[in-house]
Amino acid sequence: MPMSLIRTLVPLIVGALLGQAARVGLELPAGAVTEIVTVVLTFAYYAVARWAETHWPAVGRWLLAAGLTGKAPVYVPAVTAQRLTKPEPRD
């Protein structure tokens, strides 16, 4: 779980920073336009980082987790996750 949280937080931070950087030199209103630019830049950053991760796993992990975790999360079907997290019945 911590890996997925880190991999969510890092792109959000980068997107917010890129959104603020996009305002430098531009006369963007402080409201909705800035928020839309931030969301679009966050999505673009995440898409590029995920693409990089498929081609160069180490680069993608750095872009998505800022080096805070060395592993990519593993996603399993809900049925498997339930089976893995359900306690074993005791006799």
PDB file of N, CA and C in Angstrom:
ATOM      1  N   MET A   1       0.806  -1.203   0.000  1.00  0.00           N
ATOM      2  CA  MET A   1       0.000   0.000   0.000  1.00  0.00           C
ATOM      3  C   MET A   1       0.851   1.269   0.000  1.00  0.00           C
ATOM      4  N   PRO A   2       1.907   1.362   0.805  1.00  0.00           N
ATOM      5  CA  PRO A   2       2.702   2.596   0.779  1.00  0.00           C
ATOM      6  C   PRO A   2       3.284   2.898  -0.606  1.00  0.00           C
ATOM      7  N   MET A   3       3.643   1.848  -1.362  1.00  0.00           N
ATOM      8  CA  MET A   3       4.194   2.089  -2.698  1.00  0.00           C
ATOM      9  C   MET A   3       3.182   2.787  -3.593  1.00  0.00           C
ATOM     10  N   SER A   4       1.933   2.329  -3.556  1.00  0.00           N
ATOM     11  CA  SER A   4       0.924   2.943  -4.422  1.00  0.00           C
ATOM     12  C   SER A   4       0.626   4.377  -3.986  1.00  0.00           C
ATOM     13  N   LEU A   5       0.684   4.639  -2.682  1.00  0.00           N
ATOM     14  CA  LEU A   5       0.474   6.005  -2.204  1.00  0.00           C
ATOM     15  C   LEU A   5       1.594   6.928  -2.677  1.00  0.00           C
ATOM     16  N   ILE A   6       2.814   6.458  -2.598  1.00  0.00           N
ATOM     17  CA  ILE A   6       3.955   7.255  -3.071  1.00  0.00           C
ATOM     18  C   ILE A   6       3.832   7.500  -4.563  1.00  0.00           C
ATOM     19  N   ARG A   7       3.456   6.442  -5.310  1.00  0.00           N
ATOM     20  CA  ARG A   7       3.355   6.564  -6.766  1.00  0.00           C
ATOM     21  C   ARG A   7       2.162   7.419  -7.182  1.00  0.00           C
ATOM     22  N   THR A   8       1.245   7.684  -6.293  1.00  0.00           N
ATOM     23  CA  THR A   8       0.155   8.621  -6.560  1.00  0.00           C
ATOM     24  C   THR A   8       0.564  10.036  -6.178  1.00  0.00           C
ATOM     25  N   LEU A   9       1.215  10.174  -5.042  1.00  0.00           N
ATOM     26  CA  LEU A   9       1.583  11.486  -4.524  1.00  0.00           C
ATOM     27  C   LEU A   9       2.649  12.180  -5.381  1.00  0.00           C
ATOM     28  N   VAL A  10       3.659  11.459  -5.803  1.00  0.00           N
ATOM     29  CA  VAL A  10       4.744  12.083  -6.564  1.00  0.00           C
ATOM     30  C   VAL A  10       4.234  12.739  -7.851  1.00  0.00           C
ATOM     31  N   PRO A  11       3.446  12.058  -8.706  1.00  0.00           N
ATOM     32  CA  PRO A  11       2.935  12.750  -9.892  1.00  0.00           C
ATOM     33  C   PRO A  11       2.046  13.948  -9.559  1.00  0.00           C
ATOM     34  N   LEU A  12       1.290  13.874  -8.452  1.00  0.00           N
ATOM     35  CA  LEU A  12       0.468  15.018  -8.068  1.00  0.00           C
ATOM     36  C   LEU A  12       1.334  16.219  -7.685  1.00  0.00           C
ATOM     37  N   ILE A  13       2.399  15.973  -6.956  1.00  0.00           N
ATOM     38  CA  ILE A  13       3.304  17.058  -6.574  1.00  0.00           C
ATOM     39  C   ILE A  13       3.972  17.642  -7.816  1.00  0.00           C
ATOM     40  N   VAL A  14       4.460  16.765  -8.695  1.00  0.00           N
ATOM     41  CA  VAL A  14       5.111  17.242  -9.920  1.00  0.00           C
ATOM     42  C   VAL A  14       4.115  18.026 -10.770  1.00  0.00           C
ATOM     43  N   GLY A  15       2.878  17.526 -10.892  1.00  0.00           N
ATOM     44  CA  GLY A  15       1.862  18.236 -11.672  1.00  0.00           C
ATOM     45  C   GLY A  15       1.550  19.607 -11.097  1.00  0.00           C
ATOM     46  N   ALA A  16       1.455  19.688  -9.769  1.00  0.00           N
ATOM     47  CA  ALA A  16       1.194  20.988  -9.137  1.00  0.00           C
ATOM     48  C   ALA A  16       2.352  21.945  -9.380  1.00  0.00           C
ATOM     49  N   LEU A  17       3.574  21.454  -9.269  1.00  0.00           N
ATOM     50  CA  LEU A  17       4.745  22.305  -9.524  1.00  0.00           C
ATOM     51  C   LEU A  17       4.792  22.748 -10.986  1.00  0.00           C
ATOM     52  N   LEU A  18       4.495  21.823 -11.912  1.00  0.00           N
ATOM     53  CA  LEU A  18       4.474  22.185 -13.332  1.00  0.00           C
ATOM     54  C   LEU A  18       3.350  23.177 -13.620  1.00  0.00           C
ATOM     55  N   GLY A  19       2.205  22.993 -12.956  1.00  0.00           N
ATOM     56  CA  GLY A  19       1.095  23.929 -13.124  1.00  0.00           C
ATOM     57  C   GLY A  19       1.463  25.329 -12.673  1.00  0.00           C
ATOM     58  N   GLN A  20       2.159  25.426 -11.549  1.00  0.00           N
ATOM     59  CA  GLN A  20       2.604  26.738 -11.069  1.00  0.00           C
ATOM     60  C   GLN A  20       3.672  27.316 -12.002  1.00  0.00           C
ATOM     61  N   ALA A  21       4.562  26.448 -12.493  1.00  0.00           N
ATOM     62  CA  ALA A  21       5.595  26.917 -13.414  1.00  0.00           C
ATOM     63  C   ALA A  21       4.975  27.415 -14.717  1.00  0.00           C
ATOM     64  N   ALA A  22       3.869  26.805 -15.138  1.00  0.00           N
ATOM     65  CA  ALA A  22       3.206  27.240 -16.375  1.00  0.00           C
ATOM     66  C   ALA A  22       2.637  28.648 -16.226  1.00  0.00           C
ATOM     67  N   ARG A  23       2.338  29.036 -15.003  1.00  0.00           N
ATOM     68  CA  ARG A  23       1.798  30.383 -14.770  1.00  0.00           C
ATOM     69  C   ARG A  23       2.868  31.459 -14.904  1.00  0.00           C
ATOM     70  N   VAL A  24       4.134  31.083 -14.734  1.00  0.00           N
ATOM     71  CA  VAL A  24       5.209  32.065 -14.822  1.00  0.00           C
ATOM     72  C   VAL A  24       5.273  32.581 -16.264  1.00  0.00           C
ATOM     73  N   GLY A  25       5.138  33.842 -16.421  1.00  0.00           N
ATOM     74  CA  GLY A  25       5.189  34.446 -17.746  1.00  0.00           C
ATOM     75  C   GLY A  25       3.860  34.407 -18.482  1.00  0.00           C
ATOM     76  N   LEU A  26       2.856  33.721 -17.924  1.00  0.00           N
ATOM     77  CA  LEU A  26       1.538  33.672 -18.547  1.00  0.00           C
ATOM     78  C   LEU A  26       0.556  34.393 -17.643  1.00  0.00           C
ATOM     79  N   GLU A  27      -0.404  35.000 -18.222  1.00  0.00           N
ATOM     80  CA  GLU A  27      -1.432  35.691 -17.447  1.00  0.00           C
ATOM     81  C   GLU A  27      -2.647  34.780 -17.294  1.00  0.00           C
ATOM     82  N   LEU A  28      -2.472  33.684 -16.555  1.00  0.00           N
ATOM     83  CA  LEU A  28      -3.579  32.764 -16.307  1.00  0.00           C
ATOM     84  C   LEU A  28      -4.345  33.223 -15.075  1.00  0.00           C
ATOM     85  N   PRO A  29      -5.660  33.150 -15.118  1.00  0.00           N
ATOM     86  CA  PRO A  29      -6.421  33.451 -13.907  1.00  0.00           C
ATOM     87  C   PRO A  29      -6.050  32.463 -12.799  1.00  0.00           C
ATOM     88  N   ALA A  30      -6.163  32.880 -11.572  1.00  0.00           N
ATOM     89  CA  ALA A  30      -5.745  32.035 -10.451  1.00  0.00           C
ATOM     90  C   ALA A  30      -6.719  30.901 -10.169  1.00  0.00           C
ATOM     91  N   GLY A  31      -7.846  30.864 -10.817  1.00  0.00           N
ATOM     92  CA  GLY A  31      -8.885  29.889 -10.507  1.00  0.00           C
ATOM     93  C   GLY A  31      -8.883  28.660 -11.390  1.00  0.00           C
ATOM     94  N   ALA A  32      -9.973  28.499 -12.116  1.00  0.00           N
ATOM     95  CA  ALA A  32     -10.245  27.267 -12.845  1.00  0.00           C
ATOM     96  C   ALA A  32      -9.206  26.938 -13.905  1.00  0.00           C
ATOM     97  N   VAL A  33      -8.721  27.920 -14.624  1.00  0.00           N
ATOM     98  CA  VAL A  33      -7.753  27.637 -15.689  1.00  0.00           C
ATOM     99  C   VAL A  33      -6.487  27.024 -15.109  1.00  0.00           C
ATOM    100  N   THR A  34      -6.006  27.564 -13.997  1.00  0.00           N
ATOM    101  CA  THR A  34      -4.809  27.022 -13.364  1.00  0.00           C
ATOM    102  C   THR A  34      -5.048  25.585 -12.915  1.00  0.00           C
ATOM    103  N   GLU A  35      -6.216  25.314 -12.359  1.00  0.00           N
ATOM    104  CA  GLU A  35      -6.526  23.950 -11.928  1.00  0.00           C
ATOM    105  C   GLU A  35      -6.578  22.999 -13.110  1.00  0.00           C
ATOM    106  N   ILE A  36      -7.168  23.432 -14.213  1.00  0.00           N
ATOM    107  CA  ILE A  36      -7.239  22.581 -15.401  1.00  0.00           C
ATOM    108  C   ILE A  36      -5.843  22.324 -15.951  1.00  0.00           C
ATOM    109  N   VAL A  37      -5.014  23.363 -16.016  1.00  0.00           N
ATOM    110  CA  VAL A  37      -3.637  23.198 -16.490  1.00  0.00           C
ATOM    111  C   VAL A  37      -2.892  22.212 -15.585  1.00  0.00           C
ATOM    112  N   THR A  38      -3.080  22.318 -14.277  1.00  0.00           N
ATOM    113  CA  THR A  38      -2.408  21.418 -13.334  1.00  0.00           C
ATOM    114  C   THR A  38      -2.842  19.977 -13.555  1.00  0.00           C
ATOM    115  N   VAL A  39      -4.134  19.739 -13.724  1.00  0.00           N
ATOM    116  CA  VAL A  39      -4.633  18.381 -13.953  1.00  0.00           C
ATOM    117  C   VAL A  39      -4.088  17.815 -15.257  1.00  0.00           C
ATOM    118  N   VAL A  40      -4.109  18.617 -16.310  1.00  0.00           N
ATOM    119  CA  VAL A  40      -3.609  18.151 -17.609  1.00  0.00           C
ATOM    120  C   VAL A  40      -2.119  17.835 -17.531  1.00  0.00           C
ATOM    121  N   LEU A  41      -1.350  18.704 -16.886  1.00  0.00           N
ATOM    122  CA  LEU A  41       0.088  18.445 -16.750  1.00  0.00           C
ATOM    123  C   LEU A  41       0.370  17.230 -15.875  1.00  0.00           C
ATOM    124  N   THR A  42      -0.420  17.036 -14.822  1.00  0.00           N
ATOM    125  CA  THR A  42      -0.254  15.851 -13.977  1.00  0.00           C
ATOM    126  C   THR A  42      -0.531  14.589 -14.776  1.00  0.00           C
ATOM    127  N   PHE A  43      -1.617  14.589 -15.533  1.00  0.00           N
ATOM    128  CA  PHE A  43      -1.948  13.431 -16.359  1.00  0.00           C
ATOM    129  C   PHE A  43      -0.852  13.156 -17.383  1.00  0.00           C
ATOM    130  N   ALA A  44      -0.382  14.196 -18.044  1.00  0.00           N
ATOM    131  CA  ALA A  44       0.675  14.031 -19.052  1.00  0.00           C
ATOM    132  C   ALA A  44       1.954  13.487 -18.410  1.00  0.00           C
ATOM    133  N   TYR A  45       2.325  14.017 -17.265  1.00  0.00           N
ATOM    134  CA  TYR A  45       3.523  13.538 -16.567  1.00  0.00           C
ATOM    135  C   TYR A  45       3.368  12.062 -16.210  1.00  0.00           C
ATOM    136  N   TYR A  46       2.220  11.690 -15.656  1.00  0.00           N
ATOM    137  CA  TYR A  46       1.999  10.303 -15.264  1.00  0.00           C
ATOM    138  C   TYR A  46       2.039   9.392 -16.483  1.00  0.00           C
ATOM    139  N   ALA A  47       1.403   9.807 -17.585  1.00  0.00           N
ATOM    140  CA  ALA A  47       1.390   8.980 -18.800  1.00  0.00           C
ATOM    141  C   ALA A  47       2.801   8.769 -19.337  1.00  0.00           C
ATOM    142  N   VAL A  48       3.594   9.824 -19.367  1.00  0.00           N
ATOM    143  CA  VAL A  48       4.979   9.707 -19.845  1.00  0.00           C
ATOM    144  C   VAL A  48       5.800   8.828 -18.900  1.00  0.00           C
ATOM    145  N   ALA A  49       5.617   9.001 -17.601  1.00  0.00           N
ATOM    146  CA  ALA A  49       6.368   8.201 -16.627  1.00  0.00           C
ATOM    147  C   ALA A  49       5.992   6.724 -16.712  1.00  0.00           C
ATOM    148  N   ARG A  50       4.700   6.417 -16.888  1.00  0.00           N
ATOM    149  CA  ARG A  50       4.283   5.017 -17.034  1.00  0.00           C
ATOM    150  C   ARG A  50       4.837   4.431 -18.321  1.00  0.00           C
ATOM    151  N   TRP A  51       4.837   5.220 -19.407  1.00  0.00           N
ATOM    152  CA  TRP A  51       5.418   4.744 -20.661  1.00  0.00           C
ATOM    153  C   TRP A  51       6.903   4.457 -20.455  1.00  0.00           C
ATOM    154  N   ALA A  52       7.602   5.369 -19.800  1.00  0.00           N
ATOM    155  CA  ALA A  52       9.035   5.162 -19.541  1.00  0.00           C
ATOM    156  C   ALA A  52       9.253   3.918 -18.694  1.00  0.00           C
ATOM    157  N   GLU A  53       8.373   3.676 -17.748  1.00  0.00           N
ATOM    158  CA  GLU A  53       8.521   2.508 -16.882  1.00  0.00           C
ATOM    159  C   GLU A  53       8.396   1.205 -17.662  1.00  0.00           C
ATOM    160  N   THR A  54       7.581   1.203 -18.726  1.00  0.00           N
ATOM    161  CA  THR A  54       7.463  -0.022 -19.528  1.00  0.00           C
ATOM    162  C   THR A  54       8.707  -0.267 -20.371  1.00  0.00           C
ATOM    163  N   HIS A  55       9.426   0.794 -20.713  1.00  0.00           N
ATOM    164  CA  HIS A  55      10.629   0.652 -21.525  1.00  0.00           C
ATOM    165  C   HIS A  55      11.906   0.608 -20.690  1.00  0.00           C
ATOM    166  N   TRP A  56      11.948   1.401 -19.651  1.00  0.00           N
ATOM    167  CA  TRP A  56      13.114   1.472 -18.758  1.00  0.00           C
ATOM    168  C   TRP A  56      12.601   1.475 -17.320  1.00  0.00           C
ATOM    169  N   PRO A  57      12.401   0.291 -16.732  1.00  0.00           N
ATOM    170  CA  PRO A  57      11.773   0.206 -15.411  1.00  0.00           C
ATOM    171  C   PRO A  57      12.410   1.093 -14.341  1.00  0.00           C
ATOM    172  N   ALA A  58      13.711   1.171 -14.292  1.00  0.00           N
ATOM    173  CA  ALA A  58      14.366   1.977 -13.247  1.00  0.00           C
ATOM    174  C   ALA A  58      14.048   3.465 -13.416  1.00  0.00           C
ATOM    175  N   VAL A  59      14.028   3.941 -14.659  1.00  0.00           N
ATOM    176  CA  VAL A  59      13.711   5.352 -14.921  1.00  0.00           C
ATOM    177  C   VAL A  59      12.269   5.650 -14.511  1.00  0.00           C
ATOM    178  N   GLY A  60      11.354   4.765 -14.885  1.00  0.00           N
ATOM    179  CA  GLY A  60       9.957   4.960 -14.538  1.00  0.00           C
ATOM    180  C   GLY A  60       9.736   4.977 -13.036  1.00  0.00           C
ATOM    181  N   ARG A  61      10.420   4.089 -12.310  1.00  0.00           N
ATOM    182  CA  ARG A  61      10.273   4.077 -10.851  1.00  0.00           C
ATOM    183  C   ARG A  61      10.768   5.382 -10.248  1.00  0.00           C
ATOM    184  N   TRP A  62      11.836   5.943 -10.782  1.00  0.00           N
ATOM    185  CA  TRP A  62      12.331   7.232 -10.277  1.00  0.00           C
ATOM    186  C   TRP A  62      11.349   8.349 -10.590  1.00  0.00           C
ATOM    187  N   LEU A  63      10.788   8.328 -11.791  1.00  0.00           N
ATOM    188  CA  LEU A  63       9.838   9.377 -12.159  1.00  0.00           C
ATOM    189  C   LEU A  63       8.540   9.291 -11.369  1.00  0.00           C
ATOM    190  N   LEU A  64       8.126   8.078 -11.011  1.00  0.00           N
ATOM    191  CA  LEU A  64       6.851   7.901 -10.322  1.00  0.00           C
ATOM    192  C   LEU A  64       6.971   7.879  -8.807  1.00  0.00           C
ATOM    193  N   ALA A  65       8.127   7.511  -8.292  1.00  0.00           N
ATOM    194  CA  ALA A  65       8.257   7.384  -6.839  1.00  0.00           C
ATOM    195  C   ALA A  65       9.393   8.210  -6.276  1.00  0.00           C
ATOM    196  N   ALA A  66      10.042   8.991  -7.104  1.00  0.00           N
ATOM    197  CA  ALA A  66      11.159   9.845  -6.677  1.00  0.00           C
ATOM    198  C   ALA A  66      12.229   9.048  -5.936  1.00  0.00           C
ATOM    199  N   GLY A  67      12.366   7.772  -6.290  1.00  0.00           N
ATOM    200  CA  GLY A  67      13.366   6.935  -5.650  1.00  0.00           C
ATOM    201  C   GLY A  67      13.019   6.508  -4.233  1.00  0.00           C
ATOM    202  N   LEU A  68      11.813   6.802  -3.781  1.00  0.00           N
ATOM    203  CA  LEU A  68      11.417   6.460  -2.415  1.00  0.00           C
ATOM    204  C   LEU A  68      11.069   4.988  -2.261  1.00  0.00           C
ATOM    205  N   THR A  69      10.750   4.325  -3.351  1.00  0.00           N
ATOM    206  CA  THR A  69      10.504   2.895  -3.330  1.00  0.00           C
ATOM    207  C   THR A  69      11.096   2.292  -4.590  1.00  0.00           C
ATOM    208  N   GLY A  70      11.660   1.124  -4.467  1.00  0.00           N
ATOM    209  CA  GLY A  70      12.313   0.490  -5.600  1.00  0.00           C
ATOM    210  C   GLY A  70      11.435  -0.483  -6.349  1.00  0.00           C
ATOM    211  N   LYS A  71      10.195  -0.634  -5.909  1.00  0.00           N
ATOM    212  CA  LYS A  71       9.316  -1.624  -6.521  1.00  0.00           C
ATOM    213  C   LYS A  71       8.078  -0.963  -7.094  1.00  0.00           C
ATOM    214  N   ALA A  72       7.592  -1.544  -8.169  1.00  0.00           N
ATOM    215  CA  ALA A  72       6.306  -1.123  -8.716  1.00  0.00           C
ATOM    216  C   ALA A  72       5.222  -1.929  -8.002  1.00  0.00           C
ATOM    217  N   PRO A  73       4.066  -1.332  -7.748  1.00  0.00           N
ATOM    218  CA  PRO A  73       3.006  -2.107  -7.110  1.00  0.00           C
ATOM    219  C   PRO A  73       2.523  -3.220  -8.026  1.00  0.00           C
ATOM    220  N   VAL A  74       2.058  -4.280  -7.422  1.00  0.00           N
ATOM    221  CA  VAL A  74       1.511  -5.409  -8.171  1.00  0.00           C
ATOM    222  C   VAL A  74       0.011  -5.416  -7.938  1.00  0.00           C
ATOM    223  N   TYR A  75      -0.729  -5.374  -9.018  1.00  0.00           N
ATOM    224  CA  TYR A  75      -2.175  -5.346  -8.929  1.00  0.00           C
ATOM    225  C   TYR A  75      -2.715  -6.733  -9.244  1.00  0.00           C
ATOM    226  N   VAL A  76      -3.611  -7.216  -8.401  1.00  0.00           N
ATOM    227  CA  VAL A  76      -4.206  -8.540  -8.582  1.00  0.00           C
ATOM    228  C   VAL A  76      -5.722  -8.389  -8.624  1.00  0.00           C
ATOM    229  N   PRO A  77      -6.421  -9.365  -9.249  1.00  0.00           N
ATOM    230  CA  PRO A  77      -7.882  -9.295  -9.265  1.00  0.00           C
ATOM    231  C   PRO A  77      -8.448  -9.283  -7.837  1.00  0.00           C
ATOM    232  N   ALA A  78      -9.612  -8.685  -7.673  1.00  0.00           N
ATOM    233  CA  ALA A  78     -10.227  -8.543  -6.351  1.00  0.00           C
ATOM    234  C   ALA A  78     -10.417  -9.888  -5.656  1.00  0.00           C
ATOM    235  N   VAL A  79     -10.798 -10.915  -6.411  1.00  0.00           N
ATOM    236  CA  VAL A  79     -11.014 -12.239  -5.815  1.00  0.00           C
ATOM    237  C   VAL A  79      -9.713 -12.765  -5.220  1.00  0.00           C
ATOM    238  N   THR A  80      -8.634 -12.596  -5.934  1.00  0.00           N
ATOM    239  CA  THR A  80      -7.334 -13.046  -5.437  1.00  0.00           C
ATOM    240  C   THR A  80      -6.925 -12.233  -4.210  1.00  0.00           C
ATOM    241  N   ALA A  81      -7.154 -10.931  -4.250  1.00  0.00           N
ATOM    242  CA  ALA A  81      -6.800 -10.084  -3.111  1.00  0.00           C
ATOM    243  C   ALA A  81      -7.593 -10.487  -1.879  1.00  0.00           C
ATOM    244  N   GLN A  82      -8.875 -10.805  -2.035  1.00  0.00           N
ATOM    245  CA  GLN A  82      -9.684 -11.255  -0.900  1.00  0.00           C
ATOM    246  C   GLN A  82      -9.124 -12.540  -0.327  1.00  0.00           C
ATOM    247  N   ARG A  83      -8.780 -13.465  -1.212  1.00  0.00           N
ATOM    248  CA  ARG A  83      -8.241 -14.743  -0.758  1.00  0.00           C
ATOM    249  C   ARG A  83      -6.929 -14.556  -0.038  1.00  0.00           C
ATOM    250  N   LEU A  84      -6.094 -13.625  -0.524  1.00  0.00           N
ATOM    251  CA  LEU A  84      -4.783 -13.400   0.087  1.00  0.00           C
ATOM    252  C   LEU A  84      -4.891 -12.689   1.433  1.00  0.00           C
ATOM    253  N   THR A  85      -5.919 -11.870   1.618  1.00  0.00           N
ATOM    254  CA  THR A  85      -6.029 -11.104   2.861  1.00  0.00           C
ATOM    255  C   THR A  85      -6.976 -11.728   3.868  1.00  0.00           C
ATOM    256  N   LYS A  86      -7.734 -12.737   3.460  1.00  0.00           N
ATOM    257  CA  LYS A  86      -8.672 -13.381   4.373  1.00  0.00           C
ATOM    258  C   LYS A  86      -7.900 -14.327   5.295  1.00  0.00           C
ATOM    259  N   PRO A  87      -8.156 -14.261   6.606  1.00  0.00           N
ATOM    260  CA  PRO A  87      -7.456 -15.164   7.520  1.00  0.00           C
ATOM    261  C   PRO A  87      -7.807 -16.627   7.251  1.00  0.00           C
ATOM    262  N   GLU A  88      -6.826 -17.470   7.467  1.00  0.00           N
ATOM    263  CA  GLU A  88      -7.033 -18.906   7.301  1.00  0.00           C
ATOM    264  C   GLU A  88      -7.950 -19.415   8.403  1.00  0.00           C
ATOM    265  N   PRO A  89      -8.930 -20.282   8.068  1.00  0.00           N
ATOM    266  CA  PRO A  89      -9.793 -20.840   9.121  1.00  0.00           C
ATOM    267  C   PRO A  89      -8.984 -21.791  10.008  1.00  0.00           C
ATOM    268  N   ARG A  90      -9.229 -21.708  11.290  1.00  0.00           N
ATOM    269  CA  ARG A  90      -8.525 -22.580  12.239  1.00  0.00           C
ATOM    270  C   ARG A  90      -9.420 -23.739  12.614  1.00  0.00           C
ATOM    271  N   ASP A  91      -8.832 -24.894  12.719  1.00  0.00           N
ATOM    272  CA  ASP A  91      -9.592 -26.093  13.119  1.00  0.00           C
ATOM    273  C   ASP A  91      -9.632 -26.266  14.601  1.00  0.00           C
TER     274      ASP A  91
END
